């Protein structure tokens, strides 16, 4: 109702925001150092919600990239093993044909 009247949202600051933060109990990002985790709880609820969602998305993207890198590394190792053994895609190398 306040926003439709062009007024500030009373839940974004002061006691209402403190109460919402306490009830919601949004955990600080795991990757943050301890001293910043403590300060996270003092942030307004809407900022905590944004940062938590952003960090979750960032961690998901990081895990996906790590998994893709691990998969590429395994494929490279398999190809290196094939080359070391002298075969690629089941074909003998010129060295084996002579």
Protein backbone atom coordinates (compact mmCIF):
# COMPACT_ATOMS: atom_id res chain seq x y z
CA UNK A 1 0.00 0.00 0.00
CA UNK A 2 2.79 2.43 0.86
CA UNK A 3 4.54 1.91 -2.47
CA UNK A 4 1.33 2.59 -4.40
CA UNK A 5 1.08 5.93 -2.60
CA UNK A 6 4.69 6.80 -3.39
CA UNK A 7 5.79 6.30 0.22
CA UNK A 8 8.72 4.30 1.52
CA UNK A 9 8.14 0.70 2.52
CA UNK A 10 8.23 0.67 6.34
CA UNK A 11 9.41 -2.95 6.40
CA UNK A 12 12.72 -2.11 4.72
CA UNK A 13 14.27 -0.43 7.72
CA UNK A 14 14.24 -0.10 11.46
CA UNK A 15 12.53 -2.51 13.84
CA UNK A 16 10.39 -4.15 11.12
CA UNK A 17 13.47 -5.08 9.07
CA UNK A 18 15.25 -6.33 12.20
CA UNK A 19 12.24 -8.50 13.07
CA UNK A 20 12.03 -9.88 9.52
CA UNK A 21 15.75 -10.70 9.54
CA UNK A 22 15.42 -12.49 12.87
CA UNK A 23 12.42 -14.53 11.71
CA UNK A 24 13.83 -15.36 8.28
CA UNK A 25 17.26 -16.26 9.71
CA UNK A 26 19.00 -16.18 6.33
CA UNK A 27 22.36 -17.89 6.68
CA UNK A 28 25.38 -15.86 5.58
CA UNK A 29 27.22 -17.10 2.49
CA UNK A 30 29.53 -20.03 3.28
CA UNK A 31 32.39 -18.55 1.29
CA UNK A 32 32.51 -15.36 3.35
CA UNK A 33 35.16 -14.94 6.08
CA UNK A 34 33.90 -15.11 9.66
CA UNK A 35 34.06 -11.38 10.40
CA UNK A 36 31.86 -10.65 7.38
CA UNK A 37 29.42 -13.42 8.28
CA UNK A 38 28.84 -11.62 11.58
CA UNK A 39 28.18 -8.34 9.76
CA UNK A 40 25.83 -10.07 7.29
CA UNK A 41 23.24 -10.47 10.04
CA UNK A 42 23.22 -6.69 10.58
CA UNK A 43 22.27 -6.02 6.96
CA UNK A 44 18.67 -5.21 6.05
CA UNK A 45 16.51 -8.22 5.20
CA UNK A 46 16.19 -7.39 1.48
CA UNK A 47 19.97 -7.09 1.11
CA UNK A 48 20.49 -10.39 2.96
CA UNK A 49 17.98 -12.11 0.66
CA UNK A 50 19.66 -10.70 -2.47
CA UNK A 51 23.19 -11.59 -1.35
CA UNK A 52 22.18 -15.10 -0.29
CA UNK A 53 20.46 -15.77 -3.63
CA UNK A 54 23.37 -14.29 -5.57
CA UNK A 55 25.93 -16.38 -3.68
CA UNK A 56 23.85 -19.54 -4.18
CA UNK A 57 23.74 -18.87 -7.93
CA UNK A 58 27.49 -18.16 -7.98
CA UNK A 59 28.28 -21.38 -6.10
CA UNK A 60 26.09 -23.37 -8.50
CA UNK A 61 27.90 -21.89 -11.51
CA UNK A 62 31.26 -22.58 -9.89
CA UNK A 63 30.34 -26.23 -9.19
CA UNK A 64 29.10 -26.64 -12.77
CA UNK A 65 32.36 -25.22 -14.14
CA UNK A 66 34.40 -27.46 -11.82
CA UNK A 67 32.43 -30.52 -12.97
CA UNK A 68 32.92 -29.58 -16.62
CA UNK A 69 36.65 -29.09 -16.04
CA UNK A 70 36.90 -32.46 -14.29
CA UNK A 71 35.04 -34.15 -17.16
CA UNK A 72 37.34 -32.52 -19.73
CA UNK A 73 40.36 -33.60 -17.70
CA UNK A 74 39.13 -37.21 -17.62
CA UNK A 75 38.54 -37.17 -21.39
CA UNK A 76 42.01 -35.73 -21.97
CA UNK A 77 43.57 -38.40 -19.75
CA UNK A 78 41.73 -41.12 -21.69
CA UNK A 79 42.95 -39.70 -25.00
CA UNK A 80 46.51 -39.47 -23.67
CA UNK A 81 46.29 -43.10 -22.56
CA UNK A 82 45.07 -44.12 -26.02
CA UNK A 83 47.90 -42.24 -27.68
CA UNK A 84 50.42 -43.73 -25.26
CA UNK A 85 49.13 -47.21 -26.04
CA UNK A 86 49.39 -46.38 -29.73
CA UNK A 87 45.74 -46.50 -30.63
CA UNK A 88 43.15 -43.87 -31.38
CA UNK A 89 39.53 -44.83 -31.94
CA UNK A 90 40.50 -48.47 -32.33
CA UNK A 91 42.92 -47.84 -35.19
CA UNK A 92 46.50 -48.99 -35.08
CA UNK A 93 49.19 -46.37 -35.58
CA UNK A 94 51.57 -46.46 -38.54
CA UNK A 95 54.27 -47.78 -36.16
CA UNK A 96 52.16 -50.88 -35.42
CA UNK A 97 51.39 -51.55 -39.10
CA UNK A 98 55.03 -51.92 -40.15
